Amino acid sequence: MADCECLGGCPFFNDKMASMPTMAEMYKHKYCKTDNSECARFVVFKQLGKPAVPADLYPNDLDRANRVLAEA
C-alpha cells in the first residue's frame, strides 16, 4: 500500500512528534504506511477537509475523530 497522501505535510508528525522520532515511526508505520483508513486524522481530513483536523488529534483517537465528525 502506498504512503498516505497527507504524510509529507502532516502537522502531527512535523510538529507534535518531532522530539519523539521512535514513537513517530511506530505511528507512521501503523497509520500512514499501511492502512490509513484507521487514522483518526485521515478520517476527519477525508470527510471535512484539512482545516477541520484538530492539530492535537492523535492518529489512534478515532473516538475523538467521530465526535468531530458528529459535531460538523
PDB file of N, CA and C in Angstrom:
ATOM      1  N   MET A   1       0.841  -1.173   0.000  1.00  0.00           N
ATOM      2  CA  MET A   1       0.000   0.000   0.000  1.00  0.00           C
ATOM      3  C   MET A   1       0.891   1.243   0.000  1.00  0.00           C
ATOM      4  N   ALA A   2       0.489   2.257  -0.709  1.00  0.00           N
ATOM      5  CA  ALA A   2       1.250   3.497  -0.806  1.00  0.00           C
ATOM      6  C   ALA A   2       1.123   4.308   0.476  1.00  0.00           C
ATOM      7  N   ASP A   3       2.094   5.187   0.688  1.00  0.00           N
ATOM      8  CA  ASP A   3       2.034   6.081   1.838  1.00  0.00           C
ATOM      9  C   ASP A   3       0.806   6.978   1.757  1.00  0.00           C
ATOM     10  N   CYS A   4       0.321   7.396   2.898  1.00  0.00           N
ATOM     11  CA  CYS A   4      -0.811   8.309   2.975  1.00  0.00           C
ATOM     12  C   CYS A   4      -0.494   9.594   2.217  1.00  0.00           C
ATOM     13  N   GLU A   5      -1.469  10.108   1.520  1.00  0.00           N
ATOM     14  CA  GLU A   5      -1.291  11.339   0.748  1.00  0.00           C
ATOM     15  C   GLU A   5      -0.986  12.549   1.626  1.00  0.00           C
ATOM     16  N   CYS A   6      -1.280  12.456   2.913  1.00  0.00           N
ATOM     17  CA  CYS A   6      -1.067  13.585   3.833  1.00  0.00           C
ATOM     18  C   CYS A   6       0.269  13.522   4.570  1.00  0.00           C
ATOM     19  N   LEU A   7       0.974  12.429   4.464  1.00  0.00           N
ATOM     20  CA  LEU A   7       2.162  12.199   5.288  1.00  0.00           C
ATOM     21  C   LEU A   7       3.209  13.305   5.175  1.00  0.00           C
ATOM     22  N   GLY A   8       3.539  13.730   3.990  1.00  0.00           N
ATOM     23  CA  GLY A   8       4.585  14.723   3.807  1.00  0.00           C
ATOM     24  C   GLY A   8       4.325  16.045   4.506  1.00  0.00           C
ATOM     25  N   GLY A   9       3.075  16.444   4.605  1.00  0.00           N
ATOM     26  CA  GLY A   9       2.739  17.721   5.221  1.00  0.00           C
ATOM     27  C   GLY A   9       1.952  17.604   6.502  1.00  0.00           C
ATOM     28  N   CYS A  10       1.937  16.437   7.086  1.00  0.00           N
ATOM     29  CA  CYS A  10       1.135  16.222   8.296  1.00  0.00           C
ATOM     30  C   CYS A  10       1.725  17.005   9.473  1.00  0.00           C
ATOM     31  N   PRO A  11       0.971  17.977   9.994  1.00  0.00           N
ATOM     32  CA  PRO A  11       1.491  18.760  11.113  1.00  0.00           C
ATOM     33  C   PRO A  11       1.698  17.930  12.376  1.00  0.00           C
ATOM     34  N   PHE A  12       0.978  16.846  12.505  1.00  0.00           N
ATOM     35  CA  PHE A  12       1.156  15.992  13.674  1.00  0.00           C
ATOM     36  C   PHE A  12       2.582  15.464  13.729  1.00  0.00           C
ATOM     37  N   PHE A  13       3.079  14.951  12.616  1.00  0.00           N
ATOM     38  CA  PHE A  13       4.424  14.381  12.610  1.00  0.00           C
ATOM     39  C   PHE A  13       5.500  15.447  12.493  1.00  0.00           C
ATOM     40  N   ASN A  14       5.214  16.515  11.810  1.00  0.00           N
ATOM     41  CA  ASN A  14       6.220  17.554  11.626  1.00  0.00           C
ATOM     42  C   ASN A  14       6.330  18.486  12.832  1.00  0.00           C
ATOM     43  N   ASP A  15       5.304  18.541  13.670  1.00  0.00           N
ATOM     44  CA  ASP A  15       5.328  19.430  14.832  1.00  0.00           C
ATOM     45  C   ASP A  15       5.270  18.650  16.144  1.00  0.00           C
ATOM     46  N   LYS A  16       4.207  17.914  16.351  1.00  0.00           N
ATOM     47  CA  LYS A  16       3.961  17.232  17.625  1.00  0.00           C
ATOM     48  C   LYS A  16       4.970  16.133  17.939  1.00  0.00           C
ATOM     49  N   MET A  17       5.389  15.386  16.944  1.00  0.00           N
ATOM     50  CA  MET A  17       6.225  14.211  17.177  1.00  0.00           C
ATOM     51  C   MET A  17       7.701  14.437  16.859  1.00  0.00           C
ATOM     52  N   ALA A  18       8.087  15.656  16.576  1.00  0.00           N
ATOM     53  CA  ALA A  18       9.473  15.945  16.186  1.00  0.00           C
ATOM     54  C   ALA A  18      10.477  15.524  17.259  1.00  0.00           C
ATOM     55  N   SER A  19      10.097  15.629  18.512  1.00  0.00           N
ATOM     56  CA  SER A  19      11.018  15.281  19.595  1.00  0.00           C
ATOM     57  C   SER A  19      10.941  13.806  19.994  1.00  0.00           C
ATOM     58  N   MET A  20      10.080  13.037  19.327  1.00  0.00           N
ATOM     59  CA  MET A  20       9.921  11.607  19.639  1.00  0.00           C
ATOM     60  C   MET A  20      10.017  10.780  18.354  1.00  0.00           C
ATOM     61  N   PRO A  21      11.176  10.728  17.727  1.00  0.00           N
ATOM     62  CA  PRO A  21      11.279  10.070  16.427  1.00  0.00           C
ATOM     63  C   PRO A  21      10.942   8.581  16.432  1.00  0.00           C
ATOM     64  N   THR A  22      11.260   7.869  17.495  1.00  0.00           N
ATOM     65  CA  THR A  22      10.957   6.435  17.542  1.00  0.00           C
ATOM     66  C   THR A  22       9.450   6.210  17.588  1.00  0.00           C
ATOM     67  N   MET A  23       8.768   6.951  18.444  1.00  0.00           N
ATOM     68  CA  MET A  23       7.316   6.833  18.543  1.00  0.00           C
ATOM     69  C   MET A  23       6.667   7.274  17.238  1.00  0.00           C
ATOM     70  N   ALA A  24       7.193   8.333  16.644  1.00  0.00           N
ATOM     71  CA  ALA A  24       6.649   8.823  15.377  1.00  0.00           C
ATOM     72  C   ALA A  24       6.737   7.744  14.304  1.00  0.00           C
ATOM     73  N   GLU A  25       7.840   7.042  14.240  1.00  0.00           N
ATOM     74  CA  GLU A  25       7.990   5.973  13.244  1.00  0.00           C
ATOM     75  C   GLU A  25       7.007   4.840  13.480  1.00  0.00           C
ATOM     76  N   MET A  26       6.727   4.538  14.745  1.00  0.00           N
ATOM     77  CA  MET A  26       5.747   3.490  15.055  1.00  0.00           C
ATOM     78  C   MET A  26       4.358   3.907  14.570  1.00  0.00           C
ATOM     79  N   TYR A  27       3.980   5.135  14.864  1.00  0.00           N
ATOM     80  CA  TYR A  27       2.686   5.653  14.394  1.00  0.00           C
ATOM     81  C   TYR A  27       2.647   5.667  12.864  1.00  0.00           C
ATOM     82  N   LYS A  28       3.701   6.161  12.225  1.00  0.00           N
ATOM     83  CA  LYS A  28       3.735   6.240  10.764  1.00  0.00           C
ATOM     84  C   LYS A  28       3.566   4.872  10.131  1.00  0.00           C
ATOM     85  N   HIS A  29       4.255   3.875  10.700  1.00  0.00           N
ATOM     86  CA  HIS A  29       4.141   2.520  10.137  1.00  0.00           C
ATOM     87  C   HIS A  29       2.707   2.007  10.239  1.00  0.00           C
ATOM     88  N   LYS A  30       2.089   2.217  11.400  1.00  0.00           N
ATOM     89  CA  LYS A  30       0.734   1.691  11.617  1.00  0.00           C
ATOM     90  C   LYS A  30      -0.337   2.476  10.861  1.00  0.00           C
ATOM     91  N   TYR A  31      -0.255   3.811  10.856  1.00  0.00           N
ATOM     92  CA  TYR A  31      -1.343   4.624  10.327  1.00  0.00           C
ATOM     93  C   TYR A  31      -1.084   5.269   8.970  1.00  0.00           C
ATOM     94  N   CYS A  32       0.163   5.431   8.598  1.00  0.00           N
ATOM     95  CA  CYS A  32       0.468   6.183   7.370  1.00  0.00           C
ATOM     96  C   CYS A  32       1.019   5.318   6.241  1.00  0.00           C
ATOM     97  N   LYS A  33       1.607   4.206   6.588  1.00  0.00           N
ATOM     98  CA  LYS A  33       2.268   3.388   5.572  1.00  0.00           C
ATOM     99  C   LYS A  33       1.589   2.052   5.344  1.00  0.00           C
ATOM    100  N   THR A  34       0.502   1.807   6.049  1.00  0.00           N
ATOM    101  CA  THR A  34      -0.246   0.568   5.826  1.00  0.00           C
ATOM    102  C   THR A  34      -1.690   0.910   5.484  1.00  0.00           C
ATOM    103  N   ASP A  35      -2.546   1.020   6.498  1.00  0.00           N
ATOM    104  CA  ASP A  35      -3.973   1.276   6.254  1.00  0.00           C
ATOM    105  C   ASP A  35      -4.381   2.590   6.902  1.00  0.00           C
ATOM    106  N   ASN A  36      -4.345   3.668   6.133  1.00  0.00           N
ATOM    107  CA  ASN A  36      -4.653   4.974   6.719  1.00  0.00           C
ATOM    108  C   ASN A  36      -6.143   5.158   7.020  1.00  0.00           C
ATOM    109  N   SER A  37      -6.983   4.210   6.666  1.00  0.00           N
ATOM    110  CA  SER A  37      -8.404   4.318   6.995  1.00  0.00           C
ATOM    111  C   SER A  37      -8.629   4.189   8.503  1.00  0.00           C
ATOM    112  N   GLU A  38      -7.637   3.728   9.231  1.00  0.00           N
ATOM    113  CA  GLU A  38      -7.722   3.608  10.685  1.00  0.00           C
ATOM    114  C   GLU A  38      -7.149   4.839  11.382  1.00  0.00           C
ATOM    115  N   CYS A  39      -6.631   5.798  10.627  1.00  0.00           N
ATOM    116  CA  CYS A  39      -6.039   7.011  11.185  1.00  0.00           C
ATOM    117  C   CYS A  39      -7.136   8.042  11.443  1.00  0.00           C
ATOM    118  N   ALA A  40      -7.264   8.470  12.683  1.00  0.00           N
ATOM    119  CA  ALA A  40      -8.287   9.444  13.049  1.00  0.00           C
ATOM    120  C   ALA A  40      -8.114  10.739  12.271  1.00  0.00           C
ATOM    121  N   ARG A  41      -6.886  11.166  12.067  1.00  0.00           N
ATOM    122  CA  ARG A  41      -6.613  12.404  11.338  1.00  0.00           C
ATOM    123  C   ARG A  41      -7.070  12.275   9.889  1.00  0.00           C
ATOM    124  N   PHE A  42      -6.794  11.140   9.277  1.00  0.00           N
ATOM    125  CA  PHE A  42      -7.163  10.923   7.882  1.00  0.00           C
ATOM    126  C   PHE A  42      -8.683  10.842   7.730  1.00  0.00           C
ATOM    127  N   VAL A  43      -9.350  10.228   8.681  1.00  0.00           N
ATOM    128  CA  VAL A  43     -10.810  10.100   8.643  1.00  0.00           C
ATOM    129  C   VAL A  43     -11.453  11.492   8.623  1.00  0.00           C
ATOM    130  N   VAL A  44     -10.992  12.371   9.501  1.00  0.00           N
ATOM    131  CA  VAL A  44     -11.542  13.725   9.537  1.00  0.00           C
ATOM    132  C   VAL A  44     -11.183  14.467   8.254  1.00  0.00           C
ATOM    133  N   PHE A  45      -9.934  14.353   7.831  1.00  0.00           N
ATOM    134  CA  PHE A  45      -9.473  15.006   6.595  1.00  0.00           C
ATOM    135  C   PHE A  45     -10.342  14.619   5.406  1.00  0.00           C
ATOM    136  N   LYS A  46     -10.600  13.338   5.237  1.00  0.00           N
ATOM    137  CA  LYS A  46     -11.359  12.869   4.084  1.00  0.00           C
ATOM    138  C   LYS A  46     -12.802  13.356   4.105  1.00  0.00           C
ATOM    139  N   GLN A  47     -13.379  13.476   5.274  1.00  0.00           N
ATOM    140  CA  GLN A  47     -14.789  13.865   5.346  1.00  0.00           C
ATOM    141  C   GLN A  47     -15.013  15.374   5.438  1.00  0.00           C
ATOM    142  N   LEU A  48     -14.098  16.080   6.120  1.00  0.00           N
ATOM    143  CA  LEU A  48     -14.331  17.504   6.368  1.00  0.00           C
ATOM    144  C   LEU A  48     -13.265  18.431   5.799  1.00  0.00           C
ATOM    145  N   GLY A  49     -12.170  17.865   5.338  1.00  0.00           N
ATOM    146  CA  GLY A  49     -11.089  18.683   4.801  1.00  0.00           C
ATOM    147  C   GLY A  49     -10.018  18.990   5.833  1.00  0.00           C
ATOM    148  N   LYS A  50      -8.869  19.401   5.346  1.00  0.00           N
ATOM    149  CA  LYS A  50      -7.698  19.636   6.190  1.00  0.00           C
ATOM    150  C   LYS A  50      -7.928  20.653   7.307  1.00  0.00           C
ATOM    151  N   PRO A  51      -8.609  21.769   7.055  1.00  0.00           N
ATOM    152  CA  PRO A  51      -8.803  22.751   8.130  1.00  0.00           C
ATOM    153  C   PRO A  51      -9.589  22.209   9.329  1.00  0.00           C
ATOM    154  N   ALA A  52     -10.369  21.178   9.149  1.00  0.00           N
ATOM    155  CA  ALA A  52     -11.191  20.636  10.234  1.00  0.00           C
ATOM    156  C   ALA A  52     -10.441  19.664  11.134  1.00  0.00           C
ATOM    157  N   VAL A  53      -9.235  19.268  10.750  1.00  0.00           N
ATOM    158  CA  VAL A  53      -8.468  18.302  11.551  1.00  0.00           C
ATOM    159  C   VAL A  53      -7.835  19.042  12.733  1.00  0.00           C
ATOM    160  N   PRO A  54      -8.223  18.693  13.962  1.00  0.00           N
ATOM    161  CA  PRO A  54      -7.605  19.344  15.117  1.00  0.00           C
ATOM    162  C   PRO A  54      -6.099  19.084  15.146  1.00  0.00           C
ATOM    163  N   ALA A  55      -5.329  20.112  15.427  1.00  0.00           N
ATOM    164  CA  ALA A  55      -3.868  19.991  15.428  1.00  0.00           C
ATOM    165  C   ALA A  55      -3.376  18.952  16.422  1.00  0.00           C
ATOM    166  N   ASP A  56      -4.104  18.787  17.518  1.00  0.00           N
ATOM    167  CA  ASP A  56      -3.668  17.857  18.565  1.00  0.00           C
ATOM    168  C   ASP A  56      -4.356  16.494  18.493  1.00  0.00           C
ATOM    169  N   LEU A  57      -4.989  16.186  17.377  1.00  0.00           N
ATOM    170  CA  LEU A  57      -5.653  14.889  17.208  1.00  0.00           C
ATOM    171  C   LEU A  57      -4.621  13.813  16.910  1.00  0.00           C
ATOM    172  N   TYR A  58      -4.571  12.809  17.772  1.00  0.00           N
ATOM    173  CA  TYR A  58      -3.647  11.696  17.583  1.00  0.00           C
ATOM    174  C   TYR A  58      -4.226  10.706  16.570  1.00  0.00           C
ATOM    175  N   PRO A  59      -3.384  10.050  15.803  1.00  0.00           N
ATOM    176  CA  PRO A  59      -3.859   9.101  14.789  1.00  0.00           C
ATOM    177  C   PRO A  59      -4.706   7.963  15.364  1.00  0.00           C
ATOM    178  N   ASN A  60      -4.470   7.608  16.612  1.00  0.00           N
ATOM    179  CA  ASN A  60      -5.191   6.485  17.208  1.00  0.00           C
ATOM    180  C   ASN A  60      -6.457   6.896  17.951  1.00  0.00           C
ATOM    181  N   ASP A  61      -6.854   8.169  17.857  1.00  0.00           N
ATOM    182  CA  ASP A  61      -8.007   8.667  18.608  1.00  0.00           C
ATOM    183  C   ASP A  61      -9.265   8.734  17.734  1.00  0.00           C
ATOM    184  N   LEU A  62      -9.734   7.565  17.309  1.00  0.00           N
ATOM    185  CA  LEU A  62     -10.925   7.508  16.465  1.00  0.00           C
ATOM    186  C   LEU A  62     -12.176   7.971  17.199  1.00  0.00           C
ATOM    187  N   ASP A  63     -12.234   7.796  18.508  1.00  0.00           N
ATOM    188  CA  ASP A  63     -13.387   8.274  19.272  1.00  0.00           C
ATOM    189  C   ASP A  63     -13.522   9.787  19.123  1.00  0.00           C
ATOM    190  N   ARG A  64     -12.420  10.489  19.285  1.00  0.00           N
ATOM    191  CA  ARG A  64     -12.471  11.942  19.131  1.00  0.00           C
ATOM    192  C   ARG A  64     -12.777  12.330  17.691  1.00  0.00           C
ATOM    193  N   ALA A  65     -12.207  11.613  16.735  1.00  0.00           N
ATOM    194  CA  ALA A  65     -12.483  11.890  15.320  1.00  0.00           C
ATOM    195  C   ALA A  65     -13.978  11.757  15.039  1.00  0.00           C
ATOM    196  N   ASN A  66     -14.594  10.749  15.604  1.00  0.00           N
ATOM    197  CA  ASN A  66     -16.033  10.548  15.423  1.00  0.00           C
ATOM    198  C   ASN A  66     -16.838  11.683  16.051  1.00  0.00           C
ATOM    199  N   ARG A  67     -16.370  12.207  17.188  1.00  0.00           N
ATOM    200  CA  ARG A  67     -17.047  13.351  17.803  1.00  0.00           C
ATOM    201  C   ARG A  67     -16.909  14.585  16.917  1.00  0.00           C
ATOM    202  N   VAL A  68     -15.732  14.802  16.347  1.00  0.00           N
ATOM    203  CA  VAL A  68     -15.522  15.939  15.446  1.00  0.00           C
ATOM    204  C   VAL A  68     -16.469  15.825  14.260  1.00  0.00           C
ATOM    205  N   LEU A  69     -16.598  14.628  13.704  1.00  0.00           N
ATOM    206  CA  LEU A  69     -17.499  14.418  12.566  1.00  0.00           C
ATOM    207  C   LEU A  69     -18.951  14.640  12.968  1.00  0.00           C
ATOM    208  N   ALA A  70     -19.331  14.169  14.133  1.00  0.00           N
ATOM    209  CA  ALA A  70     -20.710  14.314  14.584  1.00  0.00           C
ATOM    210  C   ALA A  70     -21.074  15.783  14.843  1.00  0.00           C
ATOM    211  N   GLU A  71     -20.105  16.560  15.275  1.00  0.00           N
ATOM    212  CA  GLU A  71     -20.346  17.965  15.590  1.00  0.00           C
ATOM    213  C   GLU A  71     -20.348  18.840  14.327  1.00  0.00           C
ATOM    214  N   ALA A  72     -19.842  18.323  13.233  1.00  0.00           N
ATOM    215  CA  ALA A  72     -19.743  19.129  11.997  1.00  0.00           C
ATOM    216  C   ALA A  72     -21.088  19.227  11.299  1.00  0.00           C
TER     217      ALA A  72
END
